[in-house]
Amino acid sequence: LFVFSMPGLKIDLLRAHSPACVQVEEFGENRTWKSVLVQGTYDEL
C-alpha cells in the first residue's frame, strides 16, 4: 500500500516502530459488509 502524508504524529510513531496495520471496510445493502485487515511494515520512501 502506498500512502502520502505530511509530517506529524503518525509519521513520528511509524519511524519509531515500523509495524503497522491498515483496515479497509465496505458496507452494503441489507446489513452486508466486508472488512480486510493488513498487517505489515512501514517503509518511508
All heavy atoms as atom14 arrays in JSON, in Angstrom:
{
  "sequence": "LFVFSMPGLKIDLLRAHSPACVQVEEFGENRTWKSVLVQGTYDEL",
  "atom14_mask": [
    [1, 1, 1, 1, 1, 1, 1, 1, 0, 0, 0, 0, 0, 0],
    [1, 1, 1, 1, 1, 1, 1, 1, 1, 1, 1, 0, 0, 0],
    [1, 1, 1, 1, 1, 1, 1, 0, 0, 0, 0, 0, 0, 0],
    [1, 1, 1, 1, 1, 1, 1, 1, 1, 1, 1, 0, 0, 0],
    [1, 1, 1, 1, 1, 1, 0, 0, 0, 0, 0, 0, 0, 0],
    [1, 1, 1, 1, 1, 1, 1, 1, 0, 0, 0, 0, 0, 0],
    [1, 1, 1, 1, 1, 1, 1, 0, 0, 0, 0, 0, 0, 0],
    [1, 1, 1, 1, 0, 0, 0, 0, 0, 0, 0, 0, 0, 0],
    [1, 1, 1, 1, 1, 1, 1, 1, 0, 0, 0, 0, 0, 0],
    [1, 1, 1, 1, 1, 1, 1, 1, 1, 0, 0, 0, 0, 0],
    [1, 1, 1, 1, 1, 1, 1, 1, 0, 0, 0, 0, 0, 0],
    [1, 1, 1, 1, 1, 1, 1, 1, 0, 0, 0, 0, 0, 0],
    [1, 1, 1, 1, 1, 1, 1, 1, 0, 0, 0, 0, 0, 0],
    [1, 1, 1, 1, 1, 1, 1, 1, 0, 0, 0, 0, 0, 0],
    [1, 1, 1, 1, 1, 1, 1, 1, 1, 1, 1, 0, 0, 0],
    [1, 1, 1, 1, 1, 0, 0, 0, 0, 0, 0, 0, 0, 0],
    [1, 1, 1, 1, 1, 1, 1, 1, 1, 1, 0, 0, 0, 0],
    [1, 1, 1, 1, 1, 1, 0, 0, 0, 0, 0, 0, 0, 0],
    [1, 1, 1, 1, 1, 1, 1, 0, 0, 0, 0, 0, 0, 0],
    [1, 1, 1, 1, 1, 0, 0, 0, 0, 0, 0, 0, 0, 0],
    [1, 1, 1, 1, 1, 1, 0, 0, 0, 0, 0, 0, 0, 0],
    [1, 1, 1, 1, 1, 1, 1, 0, 0, 0, 0, 0, 0, 0],
    [1, 1, 1, 1, 1, 1, 1, 1, 1, 0, 0, 0, 0, 0],
    [1, 1, 1, 1, 1, 1, 1, 0, 0, 0, 0, 0, 0, 0],
    [1, 1, 1, 1, 1, 1, 1, 1, 1, 0, 0, 0, 0, 0],
    [1, 1, 1, 1, 1, 1, 1, 1, 1, 0, 0, 0, 0, 0],
    [1, 1, 1, 1, 1, 1, 1, 1, 1, 1, 1, 0, 0, 0],
    [1, 1, 1, 1, 0, 0, 0, 0, 0, 0, 0, 0, 0, 0],
    [1, 1, 1, 1, 1, 1, 1, 1, 1, 0, 0, 0, 0, 0],
    [1, 1, 1, 1, 1, 1, 1, 1, 0, 0, 0, 0, 0, 0],
    [1, 1, 1, 1, 1, 1, 1, 1, 1, 1, 1, 0, 0, 0],
    [1, 1, 1, 1, 1, 1, 1, 0, 0, 0, 0, 0, 0, 0],
    [1, 1, 1, 1, 1, 1, 1, 1, 1, 1, 1, 1, 1, 1],
    [1, 1, 1, 1, 1, 1, 1, 1, 1, 0, 0, 0, 0, 0],
    [1, 1, 1, 1, 1, 1, 0, 0, 0, 0, 0, 0, 0, 0],
    [1, 1, 1, 1, 1, 1, 1, 0, 0, 0, 0, 0, 0, 0],
    [1, 1, 1, 1, 1, 1, 1, 1, 0, 0, 0, 0, 0, 0],
    [1, 1, 1, 1, 1, 1, 1, 0, 0, 0, 0, 0, 0, 0],
    [1, 1, 1, 1, 1, 1, 1, 1, 1, 0, 0, 0, 0, 0],
    [1, 1, 1, 1, 0, 0, 0, 0, 0, 0, 0, 0, 0, 0],
    [1, 1, 1, 1, 1, 1, 1, 0, 0, 0, 0, 0, 0, 0],
    [1, 1, 1, 1, 1, 1, 1, 1, 1, 1, 1, 1, 0, 0],
    [1, 1, 1, 1, 1, 1, 1, 1, 0, 0, 0, 0, 0, 0],
    [1, 1, 1, 1, 1, 1, 1, 1, 1, 0, 0, 0, 0, 0],
    [1, 1, 1, 1, 1, 1, 1, 1, 0, 0, 0, 0, 0, 0]
  ],
  "atom14_positions": [
    [[0.86, -1.17, 0.0], [0.0, 0.0, 0.0], [0.9, 1.23, 0.0], [1.86, 1.29, 0.77], [-0.9, 0.02, 1.24], [-1.81, -1.18, 1.46], [-2.6, -1.01, 2.74], [-2.75, -1.38, 0.28], [0.0, 0.0, 0.0], [0.0, 0.0, 0.0], [0.0, 0.0, 0.0], [0.0, 0.0, 0.0], [0.0, 0.0, 0.0], [0.0, 0.0, 0.0]],
    [[0.6, 2.19, -0.85], [1.36, 3.44, -0.91], [0.5, 4.56, -0.36], [-0.69, 4.66, -0.67], [1.76, 3.77, -2.35], [2.76, 2.8, -2.92], [2.35, 1.77, -3.74], [4.11, 2.91, -2.62], [3.25, 0.86, -4.26], [5.02, 2.02, -3.14], [4.6, 0.99, -3.97], [0.0, 0.0, 0.0], [0.0, 0.0, 0.0], [0.0, 0.0, 0.0]],
    [[1.12, 5.43, 0.45], [0.4, 6.49, 1.15], [1.21, 7.77, 1.08], [2.45, 7.75, 1.11], [0.16, 6.1, 2.64], [-0.64, 7.17, 3.36], [-0.52, 4.74, 2.74], [0.0, 0.0, 0.0], [0.0, 0.0, 0.0], [0.0, 0.0, 0.0], [0.0, 0.0, 0.0], [0.0, 0.0, 0.0], [0.0, 0.0, 0.0], [0.0, 0.0, 0.0]],
    [[0.5, 8.9, 1.04], [1.09, 10.23, 1.1], [0.73, 10.85, 2.44], [-0.38, 10.67, 2.93], [0.54, 11.11, -0.03], [0.84, 12.57, 0.13], [2.09, 13.07, -0.16], [-0.13, 13.44, 0.59], [2.36, 14.41, 0.0], [0.13, 14.78, 0.75], [1.38, 15.27, 0.45], [0.0, 0.0, 0.0], [0.0, 0.0, 0.0], [0.0, 0.0, 0.0]],
    [[1.66, 11.59, 3.02], [1.4, 12.24, 4.3], [2.25, 13.5, 4.43], [3.21, 13.7, 3.69], [1.73, 11.29, 5.46], [1.48, 11.92, 6.7], [0.0, 0.0, 0.0], [0.0, 0.0, 0.0], [0.0, 0.0, 0.0], [0.0, 0.0, 0.0], [0.0, 0.0, 0.0], [0.0, 0.0, 0.0], [0.0, 0.0, 0.0], [0.0, 0.0, 0.0]],
    [[1.89, 14.31, 5.38], [2.72, 15.42, 5.83], [3.33, 14.98, 7.16], [2.86, 14.02, 7.77], [1.88, 16.68, 6.0], [1.18, 17.13, 4.72], [2.31, 17.48, 3.35], [2.97, 19.05, 3.84], [0.0, 0.0, 0.0], [0.0, 0.0, 0.0], [0.0, 0.0, 0.0], [0.0, 0.0, 0.0], [0.0, 0.0, 0.0], [0.0, 0.0, 0.0]],
    [[4.38, 15.66, 7.62], [4.95, 15.3, 8.93], [3.89, 15.42, 10.03], [3.0, 16.24, 9.95], [6.05, 16.34, 9.13], [6.38, 16.82, 7.76], [5.11, 16.76, 6.98], [0.0, 0.0, 0.0], [0.0, 0.0, 0.0], [0.0, 0.0, 0.0], [0.0, 0.0, 0.0], [0.0, 0.0, 0.0], [0.0, 0.0, 0.0], [0.0, 0.0, 0.0]],
    [[4.01, 14.57, 11.02], [3.07, 14.6, 12.12], [3.25, 13.39, 13.01], [4.21, 12.62, 12.86], [0.0, 0.0, 0.0], [0.0, 0.0, 0.0], [0.0, 0.0, 0.0], [0.0, 0.0, 0.0], [0.0, 0.0, 0.0], [0.0, 0.0, 0.0], [0.0, 0.0, 0.0], [0.0, 0.0, 0.0], [0.0, 0.0, 0.0], [0.0, 0.0, 0.0]],
    [[2.3, 13.2, 13.91], [2.42, 12.15, 14.9], [2.5, 10.76, 14.29], [3.31, 9.93, 14.7], [1.26, 12.22, 15.89], [1.26, 11.19, 17.02], [2.55, 11.27, 17.84], [0.04, 11.37, 17.9], [0.0, 0.0, 0.0], [0.0, 0.0, 0.0], [0.0, 0.0, 0.0], [0.0, 0.0, 0.0], [0.0, 0.0, 0.0], [0.0, 0.0, 0.0]],
    [[1.67, 10.46, 13.28], [1.71, 9.1, 12.71], [3.07, 8.8, 12.11], [3.59, 7.7, 12.27], [0.58, 8.87, 11.72], [0.76, 9.45, 10.36], [-0.38, 9.0, 9.44], [-0.46, 9.83, 8.21], [-0.9, 11.2, 8.43], [0.0, 0.0, 0.0], [0.0, 0.0, 0.0], [0.0, 0.0, 0.0], [0.0, 0.0, 0.0], [0.0, 0.0, 0.0]],
    [[3.67, 9.77, 11.44], [5.0, 9.56, 10.85], [6.04, 9.38, 11.96], [6.89, 8.48, 11.88], [5.38, 10.71, 9.9], [4.4, 10.78, 8.73], [6.81, 10.57, 9.42], [4.32, 9.54, 7.87], [0.0, 0.0, 0.0], [0.0, 0.0, 0.0], [0.0, 0.0, 0.0], [0.0, 0.0, 0.0], [0.0, 0.0, 0.0], [0.0, 0.0, 0.0]],
    [[5.96, 10.19, 13.0], [6.89, 10.03, 14.13], [6.77, 8.64, 14.75], [7.78, 7.98, 15.03], [6.61, 11.08, 15.21], [6.92, 12.5, 14.76], [7.65, 12.67, 13.75], [6.42, 13.44, 15.4], [0.0, 0.0, 0.0], [0.0, 0.0, 0.0], [0.0, 0.0, 0.0], [0.0, 0.0, 0.0], [0.0, 0.0, 0.0], [0.0, 0.0, 0.0]],
    [[5.53, 8.18, 14.94], [5.32, 6.86, 15.55], [5.78, 5.74, 14.62], [6.39, 4.77, 15.08], [3.85, 6.69, 15.91], [3.31, 7.6, 17.02], [1.8, 7.46, 17.15], [4.01, 7.35, 18.34], [0.0, 0.0, 0.0], [0.0, 0.0, 0.0], [0.0, 0.0, 0.0], [0.0, 0.0, 0.0], [0.0, 0.0, 0.0], [0.0, 0.0, 0.0]],
    [[5.48, 5.85, 13.34], [5.9, 4.81, 12.39], [7.42, 4.76, 12.24], [7.99, 3.68, 12.07], [5.23, 5.04, 11.03], [3.73, 4.73, 10.99], [3.08, 5.32, 9.75], [3.5, 3.22, 11.05], [0.0, 0.0, 0.0], [0.0, 0.0, 0.0], [0.0, 0.0, 0.0], [0.0, 0.0, 0.0], [0.0, 0.0, 0.0], [0.0, 0.0, 0.0]],
    [[8.06, 5.9, 12.3], [9.53, 5.92, 12.23], [10.14, 5.24, 13.46], [11.17, 4.58, 13.37], [10.04, 7.35, 12.12], [9.85, 7.96, 10.75], [10.23, 9.42, 10.72], [10.16, 9.98, 9.38], [10.17, 11.27, 9.11], [10.23, 12.16, 10.1], [10.1, 11.68, 7.87], [0.0, 0.0, 0.0], [0.0, 0.0, 0.0], [0.0, 0.0, 0.0]],
    [[9.49, 5.38, 14.6], [9.99, 4.78, 15.84], [9.69, 3.28, 15.91], [10.48, 2.51, 16.46], [9.38, 5.49, 17.06], [0.0, 0.0, 0.0], [0.0, 0.0, 0.0], [0.0, 0.0, 0.0], [0.0, 0.0, 0.0], [0.0, 0.0, 0.0], [0.0, 0.0, 0.0], [0.0, 0.0, 0.0], [0.0, 0.0, 0.0], [0.0, 0.0, 0.0]],
    [[8.54, 2.88, 15.36], [8.1, 1.47, 15.41], [7.45, 1.16, 14.06], [6.34, 1.6, 13.79], [7.07, 1.24, 16.52], [7.54, 1.69, 17.86], [8.42, 0.96, 18.62], [7.26, 2.8, 18.58], [8.65, 1.61, 19.74], [7.96, 2.72, 19.74], [0.0, 0.0, 0.0], [0.0, 0.0, 0.0], [0.0, 0.0, 0.0], [0.0, 0.0, 0.0]],
    [[8.11, 0.37, 13.24], [7.66, 0.15, 11.87], [6.44, -0.76, 11.69], [5.81, -0.71, 10.64], [8.81, -0.36, 11.01], [9.25, -1.62, 11.45], [0.0, 0.0, 0.0], [0.0, 0.0, 0.0], [0.0, 0.0, 0.0], [0.0, 0.0, 0.0], [0.0, 0.0, 0.0], [0.0, 0.0, 0.0], [0.0, 0.0, 0.0], [0.0, 0.0, 0.0]],
    [[6.05, -1.62, 12.66], [4.84, -2.4, 12.43], [3.62, -1.5, 12.26], [3.46, -0.51, 12.99], [4.72, -3.26, 13.69], [6.09, -3.32, 14.24], [6.72, -2.0, 13.91], [0.0, 0.0, 0.0], [0.0, 0.0, 0.0], [0.0, 0.0, 0.0], [0.0, 0.0, 0.0], [0.0, 0.0, 0.0], [0.0, 0.0, 0.0], [0.0, 0.0, 0.0]],
    [[2.77, -1.84, 11.3], [1.58, -1.05, 11.03], [0.45, -1.98, 10.62], [0.67, -3.11, 10.21], [1.86, -0.05, 9.91], [0.0, 0.0, 0.0], [0.0, 0.0, 0.0], [0.0, 0.0, 0.0], [0.0, 0.0, 0.0], [0.0, 0.0, 0.0], [0.0, 0.0, 0.0], [0.0, 0.0, 0.0], [0.0, 0.0, 0.0], [0.0, 0.0, 0.0]],
    [[-0.76, -1.45, 10.72], [-1.94, -2.21, 10.37], [-2.89, -1.27, 9.62], [-3.03, -0.1, 10.01], [-2.59, -2.72, 11.66], [-3.93, -3.87, 11.41], [0.0, 0.0, 0.0], [0.0, 0.0, 0.0], [0.0, 0.0, 0.0], [0.0, 0.0, 0.0], [0.0, 0.0, 0.0], [0.0, 0.0, 0.0], [0.0, 0.0, 0.0], [0.0, 0.0, 0.0]],
    [[-3.5, -1.77, 8.56], [-4.48, -0.99, 7.8], [-5.76, -1.82, 7.71], [-5.71, -3.01, 7.41], [-3.96, -0.65, 6.39], [-5.04, 0.05, 5.57], [-2.7, 0.21, 6.46], [0.0, 0.0, 0.0], [0.0, 0.0, 0.0], [0.0, 0.0, 0.0], [0.0, 0.0, 0.0], [0.0, 0.0, 0.0], [0.0, 0.0, 0.0], [0.0, 0.0, 0.0]],
    [[-6.89, -1.16, 7.97], [-8.19, -1.81, 7.9], [-9.0, -1.05, 6.86], [-9.06, 0.18, 6.85], [-8.88, -1.78, 9.26], [-10.18, -2.52, 9.32], [-11.4, -1.65, 9.09], [-11.37, -0.44, 9.2], [-12.5, -2.29, 8.78], [0.0, 0.0, 0.0], [0.0, 0.0, 0.0], [0.0, 0.0, 0.0], [0.0, 0.0, 0.0], [0.0, 0.0, 0.0]],
    [[-9.62, -1.81, 5.94], [-10.46, -1.25, 4.89], [-11.81, -1.96, 4.97], [-11.86, -3.17, 5.13], [-9.82, -1.45, 3.5], [-10.7, -0.87, 2.4], [-8.42, -0.84, 3.46], [0.0, 0.0, 0.0], [0.0, 0.0, 0.0], [0.0, 0.0, 0.0], [0.0, 0.0, 0.0], [0.0, 0.0, 0.0], [0.0, 0.0, 0.0], [0.0, 0.0, 0.0]],
    [[-12.9, -1.19, 4.85], [-14.22, -1.78, 5.01], [-15.18, -1.27, 3.95], [-14.94, -0.24, 3.31], [-14.78, -1.45, 6.39], [-14.98, 0.03, 6.6], [-15.21, 0.4, 8.04], [-14.92, -0.4, 8.94], [-15.69, 1.52, 8.27], [0.0, 0.0, 0.0], [0.0, 0.0, 0.0], [0.0, 0.0, 0.0], [0.0, 0.0, 0.0], [0.0, 0.0, 0.0]],
    [[-16.25, -2.02, 3.81], [-17.31, -1.65, 2.88], [-18.63, -2.16, 3.46], [-18.71, -3.31, 3.9], [-17.05, -2.31, 1.53], [-18.17, -2.18, 0.52], [-17.86, -2.97, -0.74], [-17.05, -2.47, -1.54], [-18.39, -4.08, -0.88], [0.0, 0.0, 0.0], [0.0, 0.0, 0.0], [0.0, 0.0, 0.0], [0.0, 0.0, 0.0], [0.0, 0.0, 0.0]],
    [[-19.63, -1.29, 3.47], [-20.94, -1.68, 3.94], [-21.89, -1.7, 2.76], [-21.93, -0.76, 1.97], [-21.45, -0.71, 5.02], [-20.62, -0.75, 6.26], [-19.61, 0.17, 6.48], [-20.85, -1.72, 7.22], [-18.84, 0.12, 7.63], [-20.09, -1.78, 8.37], [-19.08, -0.86, 8.57], [0.0, 0.0, 0.0], [0.0, 0.0, 0.0], [0.0, 0.0, 0.0]],
    [[-22.65, -2.79, 2.63], [-23.59, -2.94, 1.53], [-25.02, -2.85, 2.0], [-25.3, -2.46, 3.14], [0.0, 0.0, 0.0], [0.0, 0.0, 0.0], [0.0, 0.0, 0.0], [0.0, 0.0, 0.0], [0.0, 0.0, 0.0], [0.0, 0.0, 0.0], [0.0, 0.0, 0.0], [0.0, 0.0, 0.0], [0.0, 0.0, 0.0], [0.0, 0.0, 0.0]],
    [[-25.9, -3.27, 1.14], [-27.33, -3.28, 1.47], [-27.65, -4.48, 2.35], [-26.94, -5.47, 2.37], [-28.15, -3.33, 0.19], [-27.98, -2.09, -0.67], [-28.8, -2.16, -1.94], [-29.69, -3.02, -2.04], [-28.53, -1.34, -2.83], [0.0, 0.0, 0.0], [0.0, 0.0, 0.0], [0.0, 0.0, 0.0], [0.0, 0.0, 0.0], [0.0, 0.0, 0.0]],
    [[-28.75, -4.37, 3.06], [-29.26, -5.46, 3.9], [-28.24, -5.97, 4.92], [-28.09, -7.17, 5.11], [-29.76, -6.62, 3.03], [-30.87, -6.18, 2.11], [-31.74, -5.42, 2.51], [-30.83, -6.63, 0.87], [0.0, 0.0, 0.0], [0.0, 0.0, 0.0], [0.0, 0.0, 0.0], [0.0, 0.0, 0.0], [0.0, 0.0, 0.0], [0.0, 0.0, 0.0]],
    [[-27.49, -5.05, 5.51], [-26.54, -5.35, 6.59], [-25.36, -6.22, 6.14], [-24.73, -6.89, 6.96], [-27.25, -5.97, 7.78], [-28.28, -5.03, 8.38], [-28.92, -5.52, 9.64], [-28.83, -6.93, 9.9], [-29.82, -7.68, 10.33], [-30.99, -7.15, 10.53], [-29.65, -8.97, 10.57], [0.0, 0.0, 0.0], [0.0, 0.0, 0.0], [0.0, 0.0, 0.0]],
    [[-25.06, -6.25, 4.85], [-23.88, -6.98, 4.39], [-22.66, -6.06, 4.54], [-22.79, -4.84, 4.54], [-24.01, -7.42, 2.92], [-24.16, -6.27, 2.09], [-25.19, -8.36, 2.76], [0.0, 0.0, 0.0], [0.0, 0.0, 0.0], [0.0, 0.0, 0.0], [0.0, 0.0, 0.0], [0.0, 0.0, 0.0], [0.0, 0.0, 0.0], [0.0, 0.0, 0.0]],
    [[-21.49, -6.66, 4.7], [-20.27, -5.88, 4.82], [-19.06, -6.75, 4.51], [-19.12, -7.97, 4.52], [-20.12, -5.25, 6.2], [-20.19, -6.2, 7.36], [-21.31, -6.49, 8.1], [-19.13, -6.99, 7.92], [-21.0, -7.42, 9.08], [-19.66, -7.73, 8.99], [-17.79, -7.15, 7.62], [-18.9, -8.61, 9.76], [-17.03, -8.02, 8.39], [-17.58, -8.73, 9.45]],
    [[-17.94, -6.07, 4.24], [-16.64, -6.72, 4.08], [-15.63, -5.88, 4.84], [-15.72, -4.66, 4.88], [-16.21, -6.76, 2.61], [-17.05, -7.66, 1.75], [-16.53, -7.67, 0.32], [-17.39, -8.56, -0.56], [-16.88, -8.59, -1.95], [0.0, 0.0, 0.0], [0.0, 0.0, 0.0], [0.0, 0.0, 0.0], [0.0, 0.0, 0.0], [0.0, 0.0, 0.0]],
    [[-14.66, -6.55, 5.41], [-13.58, -5.87, 6.13], [-12.28, -6.64, 5.89], [-12.24, -7.86, 6.06], [-13.89, -5.83, 7.63], [-12.82, -5.24, 8.33], [0.0, 0.0, 0.0], [0.0, 0.0, 0.0], [0.0, 0.0, 0.0], [0.0, 0.0, 0.0], [0.0, 0.0, 0.0], [0.0, 0.0, 0.0], [0.0, 0.0, 0.0], [0.0, 0.0, 0.0]],
    [[-11.25, -5.91, 5.48], [-9.94, -6.52, 5.23], [-8.92, -5.85, 6.13], [-8.9, -4.63, 6.29], [-9.55, -6.4, 3.74], [-8.1, -6.81, 3.52], [-10.48, -7.25, 2.89], [0.0, 0.0, 0.0], [0.0, 0.0, 0.0], [0.0, 0.0, 0.0], [0.0, 0.0, 0.0], [0.0, 0.0, 0.0], [0.0, 0.0, 0.0], [0.0, 0.0, 0.0]],
    [[-8.06, -6.67, 6.72], [-7.03, -6.21, 7.63], [-5.66, -6.55, 7.06], [-5.4, -7.7, 6.7], [-7.21, -6.89, 8.99], [-6.34, -6.38, 10.13], [-6.72, -4.96, 10.49], [-6.47, -7.3, 11.32], [0.0, 0.0, 0.0], [0.0, 0.0, 0.0], [0.0, 0.0, 0.0], [0.0, 0.0, 0.0], [0.0, 0.0, 0.0], [0.0, 0.0, 0.0]],
    [[-4.8, -5.55, 6.98], [-3.42, -5.72, 6.51], [-2.49, -5.52, 7.69], [-2.61, -4.53, 8.41], [-3.08, -4.68, 5.42], [-1.6, -4.66, 5.12], [-3.88, -4.94, 4.16], [0.0, 0.0, 0.0], [0.0, 0.0, 0.0], [0.0, 0.0, 0.0], [0.0, 0.0, 0.0], [0.0, 0.0, 0.0], [0.0, 0.0, 0.0], [0.0, 0.0, 0.0]],
    [[-1.59, -6.45, 7.89], [-0.53, -6.27, 8.88], [0.76, -6.25, 8.11], [1.01, -7.11, 7.25], [-0.55, -7.41, 9.89], [-1.82, -7.38, 10.73], [-1.97, -8.63, 11.57], [-1.93, -9.74, 11.05], [-2.17, -8.44, 12.86], [0.0, 0.0, 0.0], [0.0, 0.0, 0.0], [0.0, 0.0, 0.0], [0.0, 0.0, 0.0], [0.0, 0.0, 0.0]],
    [[1.57, -5.23, 8.37], [2.8, -5.09, 7.61], [3.79, -4.16, 8.26], [3.72, -3.86, 9.45], [0.0, 0.0, 0.0], [0.0, 0.0, 0.0], [0.0, 0.0, 0.0], [0.0, 0.0, 0.0], [0.0, 0.0, 0.0], [0.0, 0.0, 0.0], [0.0, 0.0, 0.0], [0.0, 0.0, 0.0], [0.0, 0.0, 0.0], [0.0, 0.0, 0.0]],
    [[4.69, -3.67, 7.43], [5.81, -2.87, 7.9], [5.89, -1.56, 7.14], [5.78, -1.55, 5.91], [7.13, -3.64, 7.73], [7.01, -4.9, 8.41], [8.3, -2.88, 8.31], [0.0, 0.0, 0.0], [0.0, 0.0, 0.0], [0.0, 0.0, 0.0], [0.0, 0.0, 0.0], [0.0, 0.0, 0.0], [0.0, 0.0, 0.0], [0.0, 0.0, 0.0]],
    [[6.1, -0.47, 7.87], [6.28, 0.87, 7.32], [7.63, 0.98, 6.63], [8.65, 0.53, 7.16], [6.19, 1.87, 8.47], [6.6, 3.28, 8.15], [5.71, 4.14, 7.51], [7.84, 3.76, 8.52], [6.06, 5.45, 7.25], [8.2, 5.08, 8.27], [7.31, 5.92, 7.63], [7.67, 7.22, 7.36], [0.0, 0.0, 0.0], [0.0, 0.0, 0.0]],
    [[7.63, 1.57, 5.45], [8.86, 1.82, 4.7], [8.75, 3.2, 4.07], [8.02, 3.4, 3.1], [9.05, 0.76, 3.62], [10.29, 0.99, 2.76], [11.28, 1.56, 3.27], [10.25, 0.61, 1.57], [0.0, 0.0, 0.0], [0.0, 0.0, 0.0], [0.0, 0.0, 0.0], [0.0, 0.0, 0.0], [0.0, 0.0, 0.0], [0.0, 0.0, 0.0]],
    [[9.47, 4.17, 4.63], [9.42, 5.53, 4.12], [10.22, 5.63, 2.81], [11.35, 5.15, 2.73], [9.98, 6.51, 5.14], [9.77, 7.95, 4.76], [10.03, 8.92, 5.89], [9.88, 8.52, 7.07], [10.38, 10.07, 5.59], [0.0, 0.0, 0.0], [0.0, 0.0, 0.0], [0.0, 0.0, 0.0], [0.0, 0.0, 0.0], [0.0, 0.0, 0.0]],
    [[9.6, 6.25, 1.83], [10.26, 6.47, 0.55], [10.91, 7.84, 0.61], [10.35, 8.85, 0.18], [9.25, 6.38, -0.59], [8.42, 5.09, -0.62], [7.38, 5.14, -1.73], [9.31, 3.87, -0.77], [0.0, 0.0, 0.0], [0.0, 0.0, 0.0], [0.0, 0.0, 0.0], [0.0, 0.0, 0.0], [0.0, 0.0, 0.0], [0.0, 0.0, 0.0]]
  ]
}
